[in-house]
Amino acid sequence: MITISPQLKRILDEAIVRGASDVHLKVELPPMLRIDGKLMAIPKEASLTSSQVNGLIEGNEIPSNIVLA
């Protein structure tokens, strides 16, 4: 079973809906999606703090080989 936080679920749902190939998480930037080769901020998502990025990465159990769409 995969366990993810509500924030990460929201980010991944947005990635799927918008057809993103990648999700980028970086401190002091909002979550970014790669769409058609271009990085774009997810609308209405605030910039991430260091603790938020760490929590999104470390606090979720996602296999490295998962296919979301």
C-alpha atoms as a PDB file:
ATOM      1  CA  MET A   1       0.000   0.000   0.000  1.00  0.00           C
ATOM      2  CA  ILE A   2       1.212   3.489  -0.843  1.00  0.00           C
ATOM      3  CA  THR A   3       0.894   6.140   1.866  1.00  0.00           C
ATOM      4  CA  ILE A   4       1.213   9.818   0.920  1.00  0.00           C
ATOM      5  CA  SER A   5       0.403  13.117   2.579  1.00  0.00           C
ATOM      6  CA  PRO A   6      -2.559  15.229   1.422  1.00  0.00           C
ATOM      7  CA  GLN A   7      -0.144  17.897   0.107  1.00  0.00           C
ATOM      8  CA  LEU A   8       1.813  15.392  -1.994  1.00  0.00           C
ATOM      9  CA  LYS A   9      -1.434  13.844  -3.260  1.00  0.00           C
ATOM     10  CA  ARG A  10      -2.592  17.286  -4.385  1.00  0.00           C
ATOM     11  CA  ILE A  11       0.728  17.866  -6.199  1.00  0.00           C
ATOM     12  CA  LEU A  12       0.686  14.449  -7.887  1.00  0.00           C
ATOM     13  CA  ASP A  13      -2.982  14.806  -8.855  1.00  0.00           C
ATOM     14  CA  GLU A  14      -2.151  18.131 -10.516  1.00  0.00           C
ATOM     15  CA  ALA A  15       0.797  16.514 -12.328  1.00  0.00           C
ATOM     16  CA  ILE A  16      -1.463  13.787 -13.702  1.00  0.00           C
ATOM     17  CA  VAL A  17      -4.246  16.177 -14.755  1.00  0.00           C
ATOM     18  CA  ARG A  18      -1.774  18.479 -16.529  1.00  0.00           C
ATOM     19  CA  GLY A  19       0.197  15.652 -18.159  1.00  0.00           C
ATOM     20  CA  ALA A  20       3.486  16.471 -16.433  1.00  0.00           C
ATOM     21  CA  SER A  21       6.497  14.234 -16.943  1.00  0.00           C
ATOM     22  CA  ASP A  22       8.273  15.368 -13.751  1.00  0.00           C
ATOM     23  CA  VAL A  23       7.578  16.991 -10.403  1.00  0.00           C
ATOM     24  CA  HIS A  24      10.280  19.273  -8.967  1.00  0.00           C
ATOM     25  CA  LEU A  25      10.403  20.217  -5.282  1.00  0.00           C
ATOM     26  CA  LYS A  26      12.862  22.925  -4.273  1.00  0.00           C
ATOM     27  CA  VAL A  27      13.118  25.090  -1.164  1.00  0.00           C
ATOM     28  CA  GLU A  28      11.826  28.665  -1.613  1.00  0.00           C
ATOM     29  CA  LEU A  29       9.951  27.784  -4.810  1.00  0.00           C
ATOM     30  CA  PRO A  30       6.438  26.454  -5.335  1.00  0.00           C
ATOM     31  CA  PRO A  31       6.137  22.861  -6.556  1.00  0.00           C
ATOM     32  CA  MET A  32       7.015  22.786 -10.257  1.00  0.00           C
ATOM     33  CA  LEU A  33       5.818  20.526 -13.068  1.00  0.00           C
ATOM     34  CA  ARG A  34       7.646  19.748 -16.307  1.00  0.00           C
ATOM     35  CA  ILE A  35       5.089  20.015 -19.087  1.00  0.00           C
ATOM     36  CA  ASP A  36       6.194  19.784 -22.719  1.00  0.00           C
ATOM     37  CA  GLY A  37       9.796  20.288 -21.618  1.00  0.00           C
ATOM     38  CA  LYS A  38       9.120  23.497 -19.645  1.00  0.00           C
ATOM     39  CA  LEU A  39       9.032  23.931 -15.875  1.00  0.00           C
ATOM     40  CA  MET A  40       5.853  25.575 -14.606  1.00  0.00           C
ATOM     41  CA  ALA A  41       4.756  26.424 -11.080  1.00  0.00           C
ATOM     42  CA  ILE A  42       1.570  24.779  -9.891  1.00  0.00           C
ATOM     43  CA  PRO A  43      -1.028  27.568  -9.665  1.00  0.00           C
ATOM     44  CA  LYS A  44      -2.030  28.614  -6.144  1.00  0.00           C
ATOM     45  CA  GLU A  45       0.752  26.560  -4.486  1.00  0.00           C
ATOM     46  CA  ALA A  46       2.957  28.533  -2.107  1.00  0.00           C
ATOM     47  CA  SER A  47       6.739  28.372  -2.029  1.00  0.00           C
ATOM     48  CA  LEU A  48       8.002  25.417  -0.027  1.00  0.00           C
ATOM     49  CA  THR A  49      10.040  25.666   3.152  1.00  0.00           C
ATOM     50  CA  SER A  50      12.948  23.353   3.887  1.00  0.00           C
ATOM     51  CA  SER A  51      10.867  21.387   6.387  1.00  0.00           C
ATOM     52  CA  GLN A  52       8.010  21.018   3.876  1.00  0.00           C
ATOM     53  CA  VAL A  53      10.337  19.638   1.187  1.00  0.00           C
ATOM     54  CA  ASN A  54      11.905  17.235   3.675  1.00  0.00           C
ATOM     55  CA  GLY A  55       8.465  16.154   4.859  1.00  0.00           C
ATOM     56  CA  LEU A  56       7.246  15.541   1.309  1.00  0.00           C
ATOM     57  CA  ILE A  57      10.291  13.448   0.487  1.00  0.00           C
ATOM     58  CA  GLU A  58      10.863  11.597   3.751  1.00  0.00           C
ATOM     59  CA  GLY A  59       7.326  11.348   5.100  1.00  0.00           C
ATOM     60  CA  ASN A  60       5.817   9.398   2.235  1.00  0.00           C
ATOM     61  CA  GLU A  61       6.207   5.795   1.142  1.00  0.00           C
ATOM     62  CA  ILE A  62       6.371   5.782  -2.639  1.00  0.00           C
ATOM     63  CA  PRO A  63       8.208   3.060  -4.555  1.00  0.00           C
ATOM     64  CA  SER A  64      10.810   4.452  -6.952  1.00  0.00           C
ATOM     65  CA  ASN A  65       9.331   2.512  -9.882  1.00  0.00           C
ATOM     66  CA  ILE A  66       5.722   3.656  -9.516  1.00  0.00           C
ATOM     67  CA  VAL A  67       3.841   4.738 -12.641  1.00  0.00           C
ATOM     68  CA  LEU A  68       1.180   7.328 -11.860  1.00  0.00           C
ATOM     69  CA  ALA A  69      -0.549   7.626 -15.205  1.00  0.00           C
END
